[in-house]
């Protein structure tokens, strides 16, 4: 797992955990973001959803060598989530400002001639709501399906702090708002050959260090958790009979890794 999140380096030092982080220990955002398999399932689901936004997709196509550096991209995203959730608040804010600087340079033109910018609040709102709903869905899928509603709402309230610091607007602060914003921003989505190409690439990636069977199960779970409209737009099929063993494999891996990393 350390190799998977550190571009093949199994000896990489773990990221620091601070008592002076943006969020207190044992709060919902820390529980969700500490769950390795749930975050992998949710992360891939979120990536699928994000690629349906033409502005987010074009930014990836224009400014990211994702085909050659997908492992690095996934690792950097994982490090950002780790730093903003668990590290000292100064490290968290430095990480947010670093992303904001990168976003200011990501701008260009869509195929239809209209401009796009990674600093657009509405685009950032979709990126955030896709991530937040996906991380929570992944956690509840493989770890805590009976997560109380008030904890789910607190998760959105906590994660909103990071989203606002990145310039996203609107930002949900509970389940009801998350559903409403998701429905509203769905109007901005569209499918394209490029979006389907990225989806096919994500399905086929094999992160260094990740067991092939586990990776296959995680991708199957992420596709199963997608809304039907998203699967249709991306040309993905809901897993059939293989969904049951895939879910069992993901659940078992999640439980094993919580034990291995001494998580409750």
Protein backbone atom coordinates (compact mmCIF):
# COMPACT_ATOMS: atom_id res chain seq x y z
CA UNK A 1 0.00 0.00 0.00
CA UNK A 2 2.86 2.39 0.74
CA UNK A 3 4.28 1.66 -2.71
CA UNK A 4 0.89 2.25 -4.33
CA UNK A 5 0.57 5.75 -2.89
CA UNK A 6 4.23 6.68 -3.30
CA UNK A 7 4.92 5.85 -6.96
CA UNK A 8 6.39 2.44 -6.22
CA UNK A 9 8.46 3.40 -3.16
CA UNK A 10 7.52 0.89 -0.47
CA UNK A 11 9.97 2.48 1.98
CA UNK A 12 8.44 5.96 1.78
CA UNK A 13 7.97 7.60 5.16
CA UNK A 14 4.34 8.00 6.26
CA UNK A 15 2.83 11.49 6.21
CA UNK A 16 2.72 13.19 9.60
CA UNK A 17 -0.37 13.27 11.79
CA UNK A 18 -0.81 16.32 13.99
CA UNK A 19 -2.99 17.23 16.95
CA UNK A 20 -3.00 20.76 15.53
CA UNK A 21 -4.53 19.83 12.19
CA UNK A 22 -7.55 21.51 10.60
CA UNK A 23 -9.71 18.70 11.99
CA UNK A 24 -9.74 16.96 15.36
CA UNK A 25 -8.90 13.29 15.83
CA UNK A 26 -11.72 10.75 15.59
CA UNK A 27 -14.00 13.10 13.66
CA UNK A 28 -15.85 11.95 10.51
CA UNK A 29 -13.46 13.43 7.95
CA UNK A 30 -10.51 11.69 9.59
CA UNK A 31 -12.35 8.38 9.77
CA UNK A 32 -13.38 8.53 6.12
CA UNK A 33 -10.05 9.75 4.74
CA UNK A 34 -8.05 7.21 6.77
CA UNK A 35 -9.88 4.28 5.20
CA UNK A 36 -7.53 3.15 2.43
CA UNK A 37 -9.80 0.91 0.37
CA UNK A 38 -12.83 3.16 0.80
CA UNK A 39 -10.76 6.10 -0.46
CA UNK A 40 -9.49 4.10 -3.43
CA UNK A 41 -13.03 3.09 -4.39
CA UNK A 42 -14.31 6.63 -3.84
CA UNK A 43 -11.34 8.23 -5.55
CA UNK A 44 -11.88 6.32 -8.79
CA UNK A 45 -15.64 6.99 -8.67
CA UNK A 46 -14.91 10.69 -8.18
CA UNK A 47 -12.47 10.74 -11.09
CA UNK A 48 -15.09 9.20 -13.38
CA UNK A 49 -17.60 11.90 -12.38
CA UNK A 50 -15.10 14.74 -12.71
CA UNK A 51 -14.25 13.74 -16.29
CA UNK A 52 -17.88 14.38 -17.28
CA UNK A 53 -17.36 18.11 -16.67
CA UNK A 54 -15.97 19.54 -19.94
CA UNK A 55 -13.89 22.20 -18.15
CA UNK A 56 -12.31 19.76 -15.72
CA UNK A 57 -11.68 17.28 -18.53
CA UNK A 58 -10.06 19.88 -20.80
CA UNK A 59 -7.76 20.98 -18.00
CA UNK A 60 -6.56 17.38 -17.64
CA UNK A 61 -6.10 17.00 -21.40
CA UNK A 62 -4.22 20.30 -21.78
CA UNK A 63 -2.10 20.38 -18.64
CA UNK A 64 -1.68 16.79 -17.45
CA UNK A 65 0.30 13.96 -19.00
CA UNK A 66 -2.09 11.55 -17.35
CA UNK A 67 -1.31 8.60 -19.64
CA UNK A 68 2.37 8.61 -18.65
CA UNK A 69 2.00 9.90 -15.10
CA UNK A 70 -1.30 8.55 -13.77
CA UNK A 71 0.47 6.94 -10.82
CA UNK A 72 2.08 10.26 -9.93
CA UNK A 73 -1.20 12.10 -10.31
CA UNK A 74 -3.00 9.69 -8.01
CA UNK A 75 -0.17 9.88 -5.47
CA UNK A 76 -0.22 13.70 -5.46
CA UNK A 77 -3.98 13.71 -4.94
CA UNK A 78 -3.61 11.26 -2.05
CA UNK A 79 -0.90 13.42 -0.49
CA UNK A 80 -3.10 16.52 -0.77
CA UNK A 81 -5.98 14.77 0.99
CA UNK A 82 -3.59 13.46 3.67
CA UNK A 83 -1.97 16.84 4.29
CA UNK A 84 -5.23 18.77 4.48
CA UNK A 85 -6.87 16.17 6.74
CA UNK A 86 -4.12 15.01 9.10
CA UNK A 87 -1.09 17.32 8.94
CA UNK A 88 -0.46 20.45 10.99
CA UNK A 89 -2.75 23.28 9.88
CA UNK A 90 0.21 25.25 8.51
CA UNK A 91 1.16 22.36 6.24
CA UNK A 92 -2.48 21.99 5.23
CA UNK A 93 -2.80 25.65 4.24
CA UNK A 94 0.52 25.54 2.37
CA UNK A 95 -0.77 22.55 0.42
CA UNK A 96 -4.00 24.39 -0.43
CA UNK A 97 -2.10 27.48 -1.57
CA UNK A 98 0.16 25.32 -3.73
CA UNK A 99 -2.89 23.88 -5.50
CA UNK A 100 -4.36 27.37 -5.89
CA UNK A 101 -1.15 28.54 -7.58
CA UNK A 102 -1.32 25.63 -10.00
CA UNK A 103 -4.98 26.31 -10.74
CA UNK A 104 -4.24 29.94 -11.63
CA UNK A 105 -2.07 28.74 -14.53
CA UNK A 106 -4.60 26.20 -15.82
CA UNK A 107 -6.77 27.98 -18.37
CA UNK A 108 -7.47 27.66 -22.05
CA UNK A 109 -10.15 27.12 -24.67
CA UNK A 110 -12.67 24.34 -25.13
CA UNK A 111 -13.16 22.72 -28.56
CA UNK A 112 -16.21 24.96 -29.11
CA UNK A 113 -14.08 28.08 -28.57
CA UNK A 114 -15.36 29.00 -25.11
CA UNK A 115 -12.81 29.69 -22.37
CA UNK A 116 -12.23 27.59 -19.28
CA UNK A 117 -10.28 28.15 -16.08
CA UNK A 118 -9.40 25.88 -13.18
CA UNK A 119 -10.23 28.76 -10.82
CA UNK A 120 -13.88 28.87 -11.91
CA UNK A 121 -15.91 28.45 -8.67
CA UNK A 122 -18.62 26.36 -10.31
CA UNK A 123 -16.13 23.94 -11.90
CA UNK A 124 -14.35 23.62 -8.55
CA UNK A 125 -17.75 22.99 -6.94
CA UNK A 126 -18.34 20.00 -9.20
CA UNK A 127 -14.85 18.64 -8.56
CA UNK A 128 -15.48 18.93 -4.82
CA UNK A 129 -19.01 17.49 -4.73
CA UNK A 130 -17.87 14.60 -6.94
CA UNK A 131 -15.04 13.86 -4.51
CA UNK A 132 -17.01 14.36 -1.31
CA UNK A 133 -19.98 12.21 -2.33
CA UNK A 134 -17.60 9.55 -3.70
CA UNK A 135 -15.27 9.35 -0.69
CA UNK A 136 -18.28 9.04 1.61
CA UNK A 137 -19.93 6.45 -0.65
CA UNK A 138 -16.72 4.40 -0.78
CA UNK A 139 -16.34 4.47 3.00
CA UNK A 140 -19.92 3.42 3.58
CA UNK A 141 -19.66 0.73 0.91
CA UNK A 142 -16.66 -1.13 2.31
CA UNK A 143 -16.41 -0.08 5.95
CA UNK A 144 -19.39 1.54 7.65
CA UNK A 145 -22.70 1.13 5.81
CA UNK A 146 -24.58 2.17 8.96
CA UNK A 147 -22.72 5.47 9.37
CA UNK A 148 -25.15 7.75 11.27
CA UNK A 149 -26.69 10.61 9.34
CA UNK A 150 -25.30 13.24 11.68
CA UNK A 151 -21.77 11.93 11.04
CA UNK A 152 -22.35 12.11 7.30
CA UNK A 153 -23.52 15.73 7.65
CA UNK A 154 -20.48 16.55 9.78
CA UNK A 155 -18.23 15.07 7.09
CA UNK A 156 -19.65 17.51 4.53
CA UNK A 157 -19.31 20.43 6.96
CA UNK A 158 -15.67 19.59 7.61
CA UNK A 159 -14.69 18.97 3.99
CA UNK A 160 -16.38 22.27 3.04
CA UNK A 161 -13.52 24.12 4.78
CA UNK A 162 -11.03 22.79 2.22
CA UNK A 163 -13.37 23.33 -0.72
CA UNK A 164 -13.97 26.98 0.17
CA UNK A 165 -10.23 27.58 0.61
CA UNK A 166 -9.79 26.28 -2.95
CA UNK A 167 -12.43 28.70 -4.24
CA UNK A 168 -15.35 26.32 -4.84
CA UNK A 169 -18.90 27.68 -4.81
CA UNK A 170 -21.53 26.37 -4.06
CA UNK A 171 -20.24 24.00 -1.37
CA UNK A 172 -22.49 21.52 0.50
CA UNK A 173 -22.47 21.38 4.29
CA UNK A 174 -24.80 18.39 4.73
CA UNK A 175 -26.35 15.49 2.81
CA UNK A 176 -29.37 17.46 1.63
CA UNK A 177 -27.23 20.25 0.18
CA UNK A 178 -24.88 17.72 -1.41
CA UNK A 179 -27.77 16.08 -3.24
CA UNK A 180 -29.20 19.43 -4.33
CA UNK A 181 -25.86 20.77 -5.60
CA UNK A 182 -25.12 17.48 -7.36
CA UNK A 183 -28.45 17.73 -9.22
CA UNK A 184 -27.87 21.40 -10.08
CA UNK A 185 -24.33 20.92 -11.40
CA UNK A 186 -25.30 17.83 -13.38
CA UNK A 187 -26.64 20.31 -15.96
CA UNK A 188 -23.01 21.30 -16.72
CA UNK A 189 -21.95 17.76 -17.65
CA UNK A 190 -21.53 16.25 -21.08
CA UNK A 191 -20.07 13.13 -22.59
CA UNK A 192 -17.37 13.02 -25.26
CA UNK A 193 -14.98 10.54 -26.87
CA UNK A 194 -12.22 12.05 -24.71
CA UNK A 195 -14.16 11.46 -21.48
CA UNK A 196 -14.77 7.84 -22.48
CA UNK A 197 -11.10 7.44 -23.36
CA UNK A 198 -10.03 8.66 -19.92
CA UNK A 199 -12.59 6.34 -18.30
CA UNK A 200 -11.24 3.36 -20.24
CA UNK A 201 -7.70 4.33 -19.24
CA UNK A 202 -8.64 4.57 -15.56
CA UNK A 203 -10.27 1.12 -15.72
CA UNK A 204 -7.07 -0.35 -17.13
CA UNK A 205 -4.46 1.28 -14.88
CA UNK A 206 -2.42 -0.92 -12.56
CA UNK A 207 -0.83 1.16 -9.75
CA UNK A 208 2.59 -0.05 -8.72
CA UNK A 209 2.35 -2.24 -5.65
CA UNK A 210 -1.38 -2.85 -5.87
CA UNK A 211 -2.37 -6.54 -6.22
CA UNK A 212 -4.15 -6.97 -9.60
CA UNK A 213 -7.12 -8.77 -8.04
CA UNK A 214 -7.63 -5.98 -5.51
CA UNK A 215 -7.33 -3.29 -8.17
CA UNK A 216 -9.93 -5.08 -10.30
CA UNK A 217 -12.28 -5.31 -7.32
CA UNK A 218 -11.83 -1.63 -6.47
CA UNK A 219 -12.60 -0.53 -10.04
CA UNK A 220 -15.67 -2.79 -10.13
CA UNK A 221 -16.92 -1.29 -6.87
CA UNK A 222 -16.34 2.26 -8.07
CA UNK A 223 -18.33 1.59 -11.25
CA UNK A 224 -21.13 -0.07 -9.27
CA UNK A 225 -21.40 3.06 -7.11
CA UNK A 226 -21.73 5.44 -10.06
CA UNK A 227 -25.15 6.90 -10.82
CA UNK A 228 -26.69 5.16 -13.87
CA UNK A 229 -26.51 8.35 -15.95
CA UNK A 230 -22.74 8.57 -15.40
CA UNK A 231 -22.13 4.95 -16.39
CA UNK A 232 -24.16 5.51 -19.54
CA UNK A 233 -22.31 8.73 -20.45
CA UNK A 234 -18.93 7.06 -19.95
CA UNK A 235 -19.83 3.81 -21.71
CA UNK A 236 -19.28 1.75 -18.57
CA UNK A 237 -21.35 -1.29 -17.68
CA UNK A 238 -22.54 -2.05 -14.19
CA UNK A 239 -20.69 -5.15 -12.93
CA UNK A 240 -22.84 -8.27 -13.21
CA UNK A 241 -22.27 -11.52 -11.35
CA UNK A 242 -18.72 -10.42 -10.60
CA UNK A 243 -20.01 -7.63 -8.37
CA UNK A 244 -20.57 -9.93 -5.38
CA UNK A 245 -17.02 -11.34 -5.16
CA UNK A 246 -15.62 -7.88 -5.96
CA UNK A 247 -17.52 -6.38 -3.04
CA UNK A 248 -16.39 -9.22 -0.77
CA UNK A 249 -12.77 -8.70 -1.86
CA UNK A 250 -12.93 -4.95 -1.26
CA UNK A 251 -14.58 -5.42 2.14
CA UNK A 252 -12.00 -8.01 3.16
CA UNK A 253 -9.09 -5.87 1.99
CA UNK A 254 -10.47 -2.86 3.85
CA UNK A 255 -10.73 -4.86 7.07
CA UNK A 256 -7.24 -6.32 6.65
CA UNK A 257 -5.62 -2.95 5.98
CA UNK A 258 -7.35 -1.34 8.96
CA UNK A 259 -5.78 -4.09 11.08
CA UNK A 260 -2.37 -3.76 9.38
CA UNK A 261 -2.28 0.01 9.90
CA UNK A 262 -3.67 -0.32 13.44
CA UNK A 263 -6.93 1.45 12.67
CA UNK A 264 -10.13 0.64 14.53
